[in-house]
C-alpha atoms as a PDB file:
ATOM      1  CA  UNK A   1      81.895  -7.480  67.179  1.00  0.00           C
ATOM      2  CA  UNK A   2      83.271  -9.116  70.393  1.00  0.00           C
ATOM      3  CA  UNK A   3      80.786  -7.019  72.610  1.00  0.00           C
ATOM      4  CA  UNK A   4      77.801  -7.714  70.224  1.00  0.00           C
ATOM      5  CA  UNK A   5      78.850 -11.548  70.384  1.00  0.00           C
ATOM      6  CA  UNK A   6      79.123 -11.621  74.366  1.00  0.00           C
ATOM      7  CA  UNK A   7      75.920  -9.808  74.822  1.00  0.00           C
ATOM      8  CA  UNK A   8      74.119 -12.369  72.542  1.00  0.00           C
ATOM      9  CA  UNK A   9      75.612 -15.267  74.303  1.00  0.00           C
ATOM     10  CA  UNK A  10      74.072 -14.000  77.749  1.00  0.00           C
ATOM     11  CA  UNK A  11      70.844 -13.141  75.963  1.00  0.00           C
ATOM     12  CA  UNK A  12      70.723 -16.619  74.407  1.00  0.00           C
ATOM     13  CA  UNK A  13      71.208 -18.153  78.250  1.00  0.00           C
ATOM     14  CA  UNK A  14      68.412 -15.955  79.504  1.00  0.00           C
ATOM     15  CA  UNK A  15      65.909 -16.798  76.439  1.00  0.00           C
ATOM     16  CA  UNK A  16      66.688 -20.478  76.615  1.00  0.00           C
ATOM     17  CA  UNK A  17      65.827 -20.538  80.754  1.00  0.00           C
ATOM     18  CA  UNK A  18      62.305 -18.894  79.565  1.00  0.00           C
ATOM     19  CA  UNK A  19      61.707 -21.024  76.464  1.00  0.00           C
ATOM     20  CA  UNK A  20      62.954 -24.575  77.322  1.00  0.00           C
ATOM     21  CA  UNK A  21      59.752 -25.488  79.724  1.00  0.00           C
ATOM     22  CA  UNK A  22      57.437 -24.491  76.909  1.00  0.00           C
ATOM     23  CA  UNK A  23      59.268 -27.187  74.634  1.00  0.00           C
ATOM     24  CA  UNK A  24      58.288 -26.973  71.021  1.00  0.00           C
ATOM     25  CA  UNK A  25      56.002 -23.921  71.703  1.00  0.00           C
ATOM     26  CA  UNK A  26      58.701 -21.986  73.138  1.00  0.00           C
ATOM     27  CA  UNK A  27      60.149 -21.798  69.474  1.00  0.00           C
ATOM     28  CA  UNK A  28      56.562 -21.100  68.249  1.00  0.00           C
ATOM     29  CA  UNK A  29      56.340 -18.050  70.819  1.00  0.00           C
ATOM     30  CA  UNK A  30      59.873 -16.688  69.859  1.00  0.00           C
ATOM     31  CA  UNK A  31      58.913 -16.573  66.266  1.00  0.00           C
ATOM     32  CA  UNK A  32      55.248 -15.169  67.161  1.00  0.00           C
ATOM     33  CA  UNK A  33      56.631 -12.461  69.358  1.00  0.00           C
ATOM     34  CA  UNK A  34      59.516 -11.382  67.119  1.00  0.00           C
ATOM     35  CA  UNK A  35      56.903 -10.658  64.261  1.00  0.00           C
ATOM     36  CA  UNK A  36      53.881  -9.277  66.270  1.00  0.00           C
ATOM     37  CA  UNK A  37      55.617  -7.121  68.867  1.00  0.00           C
ATOM     38  CA  UNK A  38      58.923  -7.280  69.947  1.00  0.00           C
ATOM     39  CA  UNK A  39      62.077  -8.161  68.243  1.00  0.00           C
ATOM     40  CA  UNK A  40      63.687 -10.982  69.439  1.00  0.00           C
ATOM     41  CA  UNK A  41      66.837 -12.940  68.483  1.00  0.00           C
ATOM     42  CA  UNK A  42      64.430 -15.814  66.994  1.00  0.00           C
ATOM     43  CA  UNK A  43      67.574 -17.267  64.982  1.00  0.00           C
ATOM     44  CA  UNK A  44      69.451 -17.891  68.467  1.00  0.00           C
ATOM     45  CA  UNK A  45      66.363 -19.157  69.729  1.00  0.00           C
ATOM     46  CA  UNK A  46      65.856 -21.940  66.773  1.00  0.00           C
ATOM     47  CA  UNK A  47      69.604 -22.614  66.445  1.00  0.00           C
ATOM     48  CA  UNK A  48      69.589 -23.435  70.304  1.00  0.00           C
ATOM     49  CA  UNK A  49      66.739 -25.687  70.155  1.00  0.00           C
ATOM     50  CA  UNK A  50      68.269 -27.574  67.004  1.00  0.00           C
ATOM     51  CA  UNK A  51      71.641 -27.760  68.545  1.00  0.00           C
ATOM     52  CA  UNK A  52      70.017 -29.357  71.902  1.00  0.00           C
ATOM     53  CA  UNK A  53      67.849 -31.798  69.848  1.00  0.00           C
ATOM     54  CA  UNK A  54      68.702 -32.038  66.210  1.00  0.00           C
ATOM     55  CA  UNK A  55      66.188 -35.202  65.601  1.00  0.00           C
ATOM     56  CA  UNK A  56      63.396 -32.620  65.961  1.00  0.00           C
ATOM     57  CA  UNK A  57      65.056 -29.822  63.571  1.00  0.00           C
ATOM     58  CA  UNK A  58      62.243 -30.083  60.924  1.00  0.00           C
ATOM     59  CA  UNK A  59      59.689 -29.575  63.773  1.00  0.00           C
ATOM     60  CA  UNK A  60      61.388 -26.588  65.139  1.00  0.00           C
ATOM     61  CA  UNK A  61      61.854 -25.058  61.774  1.00  0.00           C
ATOM     62  CA  UNK A  62      58.174 -25.292  61.171  1.00  0.00           C
ATOM     63  CA  UNK A  63      56.907 -24.199  64.286  1.00  0.00           C
ATOM     64  CA  UNK A  64      59.179 -21.013  64.496  1.00  0.00           C
ATOM     65  CA  UNK A  65      58.105 -20.337  60.758  1.00  0.00           C
ATOM     66  CA  UNK A  66      54.481 -20.729  61.775  1.00  0.00           C
ATOM     67  CA  UNK A  67      54.620 -18.447  64.747  1.00  0.00           C
ATOM     68  CA  UNK A  68      56.379 -15.968  62.680  1.00  0.00           C
ATOM     69  CA  UNK A  69      53.947 -15.974  59.848  1.00  0.00           C
ATOM     70  CA  UNK A  70      50.865 -15.822  62.533  1.00  0.00           C
ATOM     71  CA  UNK A  71      52.579 -13.114  64.168  1.00  0.00           C
ATOM     72  CA  UNK A  72      53.098 -11.014  61.045  1.00  0.00           C
ATOM     73  CA  UNK A  73      49.301 -10.979  60.975  1.00  0.00           C
ATOM     74  CA  UNK A  74      49.569  -7.929  63.479  1.00  0.00           C
ATOM     75  CA  UNK A  75      51.610  -5.984  60.838  1.00  0.00           C
ATOM     76  CA  UNK A  76      49.353  -6.933  58.039  1.00  0.00           C
ATOM     77  CA  UNK A  77      46.336  -5.752  59.950  1.00  0.00           C
ATOM     78  CA  UNK A  78      48.103  -2.227  60.870  1.00  0.00           C
ATOM     79  CA  UNK A  79      49.182  -1.951  57.094  1.00  0.00           C
ATOM     80  CA  UNK A  80      45.330  -2.917  55.788  1.00  0.00           C
ATOM     81  CA  UNK A  81      44.351   0.177  58.123  1.00  0.00           C
ATOM     82  CA  UNK A  82      46.751   2.820  57.155  1.00  0.00           C
ATOM     83  CA  UNK A  83      49.676   1.252  55.563  1.00  0.00           C
ATOM     84  CA  UNK A  84      50.094   3.879  52.790  1.00  0.00           C
ATOM     85  CA  UNK A  85      50.379   6.738  55.547  1.00  0.00           C
ATOM     86  CA  UNK A  86      52.878   4.675  57.741  1.00  0.00           C
ATOM     87  CA  UNK A  87      55.016   4.039  54.823  1.00  0.00           C
ATOM     88  CA  UNK A  88      54.910   7.652  53.602  1.00  0.00           C
ATOM     89  CA  UNK A  89      56.261   8.559  56.926  1.00  0.00           C
ATOM     90  CA  UNK A  90      58.905   6.068  57.138  1.00  0.00           C
ATOM     91  CA  UNK A  91      60.665   6.220  53.608  1.00  0.00           C
ATOM     92  CA  UNK A  92      61.276   8.254  50.815  1.00  0.00           C
ATOM     93  CA  UNK A  93      58.970   8.484  47.660  1.00  0.00           C
ATOM     94  CA  UNK A  94      61.472   6.945  45.735  1.00  0.00           C
ATOM     95  CA  UNK A  95      61.979   3.894  47.607  1.00  0.00           C
ATOM     96  CA  UNK A  96      58.297   3.535  48.440  1.00  0.00           C
ATOM     97  CA  UNK A  97      57.646   3.554  44.485  1.00  0.00           C
ATOM     98  CA  UNK A  98      60.433   0.668  44.118  1.00  0.00           C
ATOM     99  CA  UNK A  99      58.620  -1.466  46.912  1.00  0.00           C
ATOM    100  CA  UNK A 100      55.365  -0.965  45.072  1.00  0.00           C
ATOM    101  CA  UNK A 101      56.792  -1.897  41.406  1.00  0.00           C
ATOM    102  CA  UNK A 102      58.515  -4.982  43.035  1.00  0.00           C
ATOM    103  CA  UNK A 103      55.213  -6.073  44.746  1.00  0.00           C
ATOM    104  CA  UNK A 104      53.014  -5.249  41.489  1.00  0.00           C
ATOM    105  CA  UNK A 105      55.345  -7.840  39.494  1.00  0.00           C
ATOM    106  CA  UNK A 106      55.927 -10.423  42.023  1.00  0.00           C
ATOM    107  CA  UNK A 107      54.105 -10.061  45.200  1.00  0.00           C
ATOM    108  CA  UNK A 108      55.055 -13.518  46.568  1.00  0.00           C
ATOM    109  CA  UNK A 109      58.870 -13.265  45.953  1.00  0.00           C
ATOM    110  CA  UNK A 110      58.901  -9.432  46.861  1.00  0.00           C
ATOM    111  CA  UNK A 111      57.907 -10.629  50.572  1.00  0.00           C
ATOM    112  CA  UNK A 112      59.636 -13.818  50.588  1.00  0.00           C
ATOM    113  CA  UNK A 113      63.234 -12.673  50.232  1.00  0.00           C
ATOM    114  CA  UNK A 114      63.017 -10.315  52.786  1.00  0.00           C
ATOM    115  CA  UNK A 115      61.408 -12.859  55.164  1.00  0.00           C
ATOM    116  CA  UNK A 116      64.869 -14.978  54.262  1.00  0.00           C
ATOM    117  CA  UNK A 117      67.271 -12.343  55.511  1.00  0.00           C
ATOM    118  CA  UNK A 118      67.817 -11.656  59.308  1.00  0.00           C
ATOM    119  CA  UNK A 119      68.046  -8.228  61.055  1.00  0.00           C
ATOM    120  CA  UNK A 120      68.845  -5.453  60.056  1.00  0.00           C
ATOM    121  CA  UNK A 121      66.620  -6.161  57.275  1.00  0.00           C
ATOM    122  CA  UNK A 122      63.606  -3.769  57.528  1.00  0.00           C
ATOM    123  CA  UNK A 123      61.168  -6.442  57.184  1.00  0.00           C
ATOM    124  CA  UNK A 124      58.249  -4.842  58.973  1.00  0.00           C
ATOM    125  CA  UNK A 125      58.210  -2.090  56.309  1.00  0.00           C
ATOM    126  CA  UNK A 126      57.461  -4.955  53.632  1.00  0.00           C
ATOM    127  CA  UNK A 127      54.733  -6.460  55.771  1.00  0.00           C
ATOM    128  CA  UNK A 128      53.096  -3.060  55.948  1.00  0.00           C
ATOM    129  CA  UNK A 129      53.427  -2.797  51.942  1.00  0.00           C
ATOM    130  CA  UNK A 130      52.247  -6.101  51.427  1.00  0.00           C
ATOM    131  CA  UNK A 131      48.870  -5.113  53.097  1.00  0.00           C
ATOM    132  CA  UNK A 132      48.770  -1.553  51.932  1.00  0.00           C
ATOM    133  CA  UNK A 133      49.230  -3.068  48.177  1.00  0.00           C
ATOM    134  CA  UNK A 134      46.373  -5.557  49.060  1.00  0.00           C
ATOM    135  CA  UNK A 135      48.279  -8.988  48.835  1.00  0.00           C
ATOM    136  CA  UNK A 136      45.772 -11.642  49.581  1.00  0.00           C
ATOM    137  CA  UNK A 137      46.404 -12.866  53.118  1.00  0.00           C
ATOM    138  CA  UNK A 138      46.919 -16.321  52.125  1.00  0.00           C
ATOM    139  CA  UNK A 139      49.625 -15.564  49.681  1.00  0.00           C
ATOM    140  CA  UNK A 140      51.165 -13.041  52.600  1.00  0.00           C
ATOM    141  CA  UNK A 141      51.312 -15.844  55.040  1.00  0.00           C
ATOM    142  CA  UNK A 142      52.671 -18.595  52.845  1.00  0.00           C
ATOM    143  CA  UNK A 143      55.463 -16.190  51.573  1.00  0.00           C
ATOM    144  CA  UNK A 144      56.508 -15.627  54.837  1.00  0.00           C
ATOM    145  CA  UNK A 145      56.245 -19.145  56.028  1.00  0.00           C
ATOM    146  CA  UNK A 146      58.634 -20.090  52.875  1.00  0.00           C
ATOM    147  CA  UNK A 147      60.887 -17.322  53.663  1.00  0.00           C
ATOM    148  CA  UNK A 148      61.336 -18.150  57.131  1.00  0.00           C
ATOM    149  CA  UNK A 149      61.592 -21.909  56.790  1.00  0.00           C
ATOM    150  CA  UNK A 150      64.443 -21.347  54.240  1.00  0.00           C
ATOM    151  CA  UNK A 151      66.121 -18.875  56.763  1.00  0.00           C
ATOM    152  CA  UNK A 152      65.844 -21.226  59.904  1.00  0.00           C
ATOM    153  CA  UNK A 153      66.909 -24.391  57.846  1.00  0.00           C
ATOM    154  CA  UNK A 154      70.036 -22.924  56.563  1.00  0.00           C
ATOM    155  CA  UNK A 155      70.867 -21.341  60.132  1.00  0.00           C
ATOM    156  CA  UNK A 156      70.008 -24.615  61.576  1.00  0.00           C
ATOM    157  CA  UNK A 157      72.339 -26.625  59.411  1.00  0.00           C
ATOM    158  CA  UNK A 158      75.378 -24.235  59.780  1.00  0.00           C
ATOM    159  CA  UNK A 159      74.848 -24.394  63.449  1.00  0.00           C
ATOM    160  CA  UNK A 160      74.995 -28.237  63.563  1.00  0.00           C
ATOM    161  CA  UNK A 161      78.142 -28.196  61.446  1.00  0.00           C
ATOM    162  CA  UNK A 162      80.042 -25.142  62.964  1.00  0.00           C
ATOM    163  CA  UNK A 163      78.496 -25.302  66.352  1.00  0.00           C
ATOM    164  CA  UNK A 164      76.106 -22.969  68.535  1.00  0.00           C
ATOM    165  CA  UNK A 165      78.975 -20.011  68.106  1.00  0.00           C
ATOM    166  CA  UNK A 166      77.916 -19.691  64.454  1.00  0.00           C
ATOM    167  CA  UNK A 167      74.530 -17.848  64.999  1.00  0.00           C
ATOM    168  CA  UNK A 168      76.558 -15.179  67.153  1.00  0.00           C
ATOM    169  CA  UNK A 169      79.368 -14.993  64.509  1.00  0.00           C
ATOM    170  CA  UNK A 170      76.796 -14.829  61.664  1.00  0.00           C
ATOM    171  CA  UNK A 171      74.784 -12.159  63.441  1.00  0.00           C
ATOM    172  CA  UNK A 172      77.649  -9.837  63.798  1.00  0.00           C
ATOM    173  CA  UNK A 173      78.898 -10.438  60.359  1.00  0.00           C
ATOM    174  CA  UNK A 174      75.300  -9.624  58.930  1.00  0.00           C
ATOM    175  CA  UNK A 175      75.190  -6.448  60.861  1.00  0.00           C
ATOM    176  CA  UNK A 176      78.781  -5.310  59.138  1.00  0.00           C
ATOM    177  CA  UNK A 177      78.396  -6.577  55.907  1.00  0.00           C
ATOM    178  CA  UNK A 178      74.548  -6.361  55.221  1.00  0.00           C
ATOM    179  CA  UNK A 179      74.444  -4.779  51.654  1.00  0.00           C
ATOM    180  CA  UNK A 180      76.734  -7.648  50.339  1.00  0.00           C
ATOM    181  CA  UNK A 181      75.126 -10.556  51.969  1.00  0.00           C
ATOM    182  CA  UNK A 182      71.841  -9.198  50.934  1.00  0.00           C
ATOM    183  CA  UNK A 183      72.772  -9.030  47.411  1.00  0.00           C
ATOM    184  CA  UNK A 184      73.811 -12.523  47.381  1.00  0.00           C
ATOM    185  CA  UNK A 185      70.676 -13.881  48.929  1.00  0.00           C
ATOM    186  CA  UNK A 186      68.512 -11.774  46.497  1.00  0.00           C
ATOM    187  CA  UNK A 187      70.475 -13.389  43.615  1.00  0.00           C
ATOM    188  CA  UNK A 188      69.781 -16.806  44.886  1.00  0.00           C
ATOM    189  CA  UNK A 189      66.469 -16.156  45.783  1.00  0.00           C
ATOM    190  CA  UNK A 190      65.260 -14.857  41.974  1.00  0.00           C
ATOM    191  CA  UNK A 191      67.493 -17.311  40.115  1.00  0.00           C
ATOM    192  CA  UNK A 192      64.847 -19.992  39.746  1.00  0.00           C
ATOM    193  CA  UNK A 193      62.605 -17.813  37.432  1.00  0.00           C
ATOM    194  CA  UNK A 194      65.210 -15.759  35.702  1.00  0.00           C
ATOM    195  CA  UNK A 195      64.972 -17.581  32.409  1.00  0.00           C
ATOM    196  CA  UNK A 196      61.006 -17.126  32.294  1.00  0.00           C
ATOM    197  CA  UNK A 197      61.100 -13.286  32.245  1.00  0.00           C
ATOM    198  CA  UNK A 198      61.758 -10.755  29.403  1.00  0.00           C
ATOM    199  CA  UNK A 199      63.795  -8.695  31.658  1.00  0.00           C
ATOM    200  CA  UNK A 200      65.039 -11.176  34.407  1.00  0.00           C
ATOM    201  CA  UNK A 201      67.286  -8.910  35.900  1.00  0.00           C
ATOM    202  CA  UNK A 202      64.768  -5.855  36.791  1.00  0.00           C
ATOM    203  CA  UNK A 203      62.964  -7.323  39.690  1.00  0.00           C
ATOM    204  CA  UNK A 204      66.207  -8.670  41.368  1.00  0.00           C
ATOM    205  CA  UNK A 205      67.687  -5.226  41.281  1.00  0.00           C
ATOM    206  CA  UNK A 206      64.357  -3.525  42.749  1.00  0.00           C
ATOM    207  CA  UNK A 207      64.265  -5.956  45.651  1.00  0.00           C
ATOM    208  CA  UNK A 208      67.661  -5.687  46.511  1.00  0.00           C
ATOM    209  CA  UNK A 209      67.559  -2.013  46.496  1.00  0.00           C
ATOM    210  CA  UNK A 210      64.433  -1.909  48.599  1.00  0.00           C
ATOM    211  CA  UNK A 211      65.729  -4.606  51.295  1.00  0.00           C
ATOM    212  CA  UNK A 212      68.838  -2.317  51.964  1.00  0.00           C
ATOM    213  CA  UNK A 213      68.271  -0.111  55.134  1.00  0.00           C
ATOM    214  CA  UNK A 214      68.525   3.344  54.577  1.00  0.00           C
END
């Protein structure tokens, strides 16, 4: 855990040197690149921006979420063109069936919950699935934007309270205890509609199982 923290600290300094001159567009670019092409520690970037200037907290969260949503269109296009074939190569038939069942019941939530979770959540697989299962692009973008806003807001508030070291500590903790934390987030994400369903726990269980990396 110490080595991960040291690496992230050095990487943060490197990224901040690149992003700072871009102003609010730096956090937008981080979100876009993280979703579209290469994995970036976008949580670290957002936390650094917010900790440096907390008066623009909402603006940074919105910009990062917007960049992440727009960047996800790359994966949506890939999934739309050949998502089923890619998914069959990357996961077992059983897991693919669970993801399809989750999307058929509640598309928005099935994508929003993974969008709320940081790595190692296999989020790009959910983006591919959303396109392969013909989720409308508008709902696709709004779902990711909502999930990212929640994620970045939580990270920002905890960073302001505990200090910039929180994002490094939480990242290492999430890697080591992913399943437990994911389960808690899933339960929190579905509790608002549980009373409106005949079988309230079914979708929560399916989403929790599909999120967990295998």
